[in-house]
Amino acid sequence: MRNMIIALLGLAALAACGVDGEPVQPTLNAGIGVGDSGVHAGGAVGLHKGPVSVYLGF
């Protein structure tokens, strides 16, 4: 799980360099929840450029 997060952050940083002109805007959302079934963690990594947005939840 940790390696996947590091890889996704690296991909977002690489895409955010904006080599082709307009910069890509990376986003990261993370959270921890506590409920009757226990503790769980989740989040999402996304990229936004112009009218196109791509998000991956984990």
C-alpha atoms as a PDB file:
ATOM      1  CA  MET A   1       0.000   0.000   0.000  1.00  0.00           C
ATOM      2  CA  ARG A   2       2.814   2.395   0.917  1.00  0.00           C
ATOM      3  CA  ASN A   3       4.670   1.718  -2.344  1.00  0.00           C
ATOM      4  CA  MET A   4       1.480   2.364  -4.318  1.00  0.00           C
ATOM      5  CA  ILE A   5       0.990   5.733  -2.617  1.00  0.00           C
ATOM      6  CA  ILE A   6       4.599   6.732  -3.285  1.00  0.00           C
ATOM      7  CA  ALA A   7       4.275   5.682  -6.931  1.00  0.00           C
ATOM      8  CA  LEU A   8       1.057   7.660  -7.382  1.00  0.00           C
ATOM      9  CA  LEU A   9       2.559  10.755  -5.791  1.00  0.00           C
ATOM     10  CA  GLY A  10       5.602  10.427  -8.038  1.00  0.00           C
ATOM     11  CA  LEU A  11       3.361  10.117 -11.089  1.00  0.00           C
ATOM     12  CA  ALA A  12       1.371  13.186 -10.031  1.00  0.00           C
ATOM     13  CA  ALA A  13       4.564  15.196  -9.490  1.00  0.00           C
ATOM     14  CA  LEU A  14       5.915  14.148 -12.885  1.00  0.00           C
ATOM     15  CA  ALA A  15       2.682  15.059 -14.636  1.00  0.00           C
ATOM     16  CA  ALA A  16       2.528  18.373 -12.755  1.00  0.00           C
ATOM     17  CA  CYS A  17       5.761  19.684 -14.240  1.00  0.00           C
ATOM     18  CA  GLY A  18       3.763  21.035 -17.205  1.00  0.00           C
ATOM     19  CA  VAL A  19       6.310  20.267 -19.929  1.00  0.00           C
ATOM     20  CA  ASP A  20       3.699  20.754 -22.660  1.00  0.00           C
ATOM     21  CA  GLY A  21       2.690  24.269 -21.559  1.00  0.00           C
ATOM     22  CA  GLU A  22      -0.363  24.450 -19.339  1.00  0.00           C
ATOM     23  CA  PRO A  23       0.420  22.971 -15.906  1.00  0.00           C
ATOM     24  CA  VAL A  24      -1.425  19.943 -14.605  1.00  0.00           C
ATOM     25  CA  GLN A  25      -2.874  20.433 -11.134  1.00  0.00           C
ATOM     26  CA  PRO A  26      -2.396  17.385  -8.884  1.00  0.00           C
ATOM     27  CA  THR A  27      -4.666  16.825  -5.882  1.00  0.00           C
ATOM     28  CA  LEU A  28      -4.408  14.575  -2.850  1.00  0.00           C
ATOM     29  CA  ASN A  29      -7.177  13.765  -0.397  1.00  0.00           C
ATOM     30  CA  ALA A  30      -6.618  11.471   2.588  1.00  0.00           C
ATOM     31  CA  GLY A  31      -8.622  10.619   5.657  1.00  0.00           C
ATOM     32  CA  ILE A  32      -9.032   8.243   8.578  1.00  0.00           C
ATOM     33  CA  GLY A  33     -12.421   7.107   9.819  1.00  0.00           C
ATOM     34  CA  VAL A  34     -13.475   5.416  13.049  1.00  0.00           C
ATOM     35  CA  GLY A  35     -16.745   3.509  13.269  1.00  0.00           C
ATOM     36  CA  ASP A  36     -18.431   0.470  14.753  1.00  0.00           C
ATOM     37  CA  SER A  37     -16.494  -1.796  12.382  1.00  0.00           C
ATOM     38  CA  GLY A  38     -13.096  -0.343  13.347  1.00  0.00           C
ATOM     39  CA  VAL A  39     -10.622   2.137  11.942  1.00  0.00           C
ATOM     40  CA  HIS A  40     -10.197   2.581   8.197  1.00  0.00           C
ATOM     41  CA  ALA A  41      -8.040   4.823   6.011  1.00  0.00           C
ATOM     42  CA  GLY A  42      -8.775   6.046   2.520  1.00  0.00           C
ATOM     43  CA  GLY A  43      -8.120   8.785   0.070  1.00  0.00           C
ATOM     44  CA  ALA A  44      -7.757   9.817  -3.545  1.00  0.00           C
ATOM     45  CA  VAL A  45      -5.103  11.127  -5.915  1.00  0.00           C
ATOM     46  CA  GLY A  46      -6.140  13.176  -8.903  1.00  0.00           C
ATOM     47  CA  LEU A  47      -4.919  15.203 -11.842  1.00  0.00           C
ATOM     48  CA  HIS A  48      -6.751  18.170 -13.365  1.00  0.00           C
ATOM     49  CA  LYS A  49      -5.942  19.888 -16.640  1.00  0.00           C
ATOM     50  CA  GLY A  50      -8.421  22.128 -18.399  1.00  0.00           C
ATOM     51  CA  PRO A  51     -11.816  20.425 -18.606  1.00  0.00           C
ATOM     52  CA  VAL A  52     -10.400  16.945 -17.848  1.00  0.00           C
ATOM     53  CA  SER A  53     -10.054  15.500 -14.337  1.00  0.00           C
ATOM     54  CA  VAL A  54      -8.850  11.999 -13.431  1.00  0.00           C
ATOM     55  CA  TYR A  55      -9.084  10.637  -9.868  1.00  0.00           C
ATOM     56  CA  LEU A  56      -7.995   7.354  -8.347  1.00  0.00           C
ATOM     57  CA  GLY A  57      -9.438   6.396  -4.963  1.00  0.00           C
ATOM     58  CA  PHE A  58      -7.744   4.041  -2.525  1.00  0.00           C
END
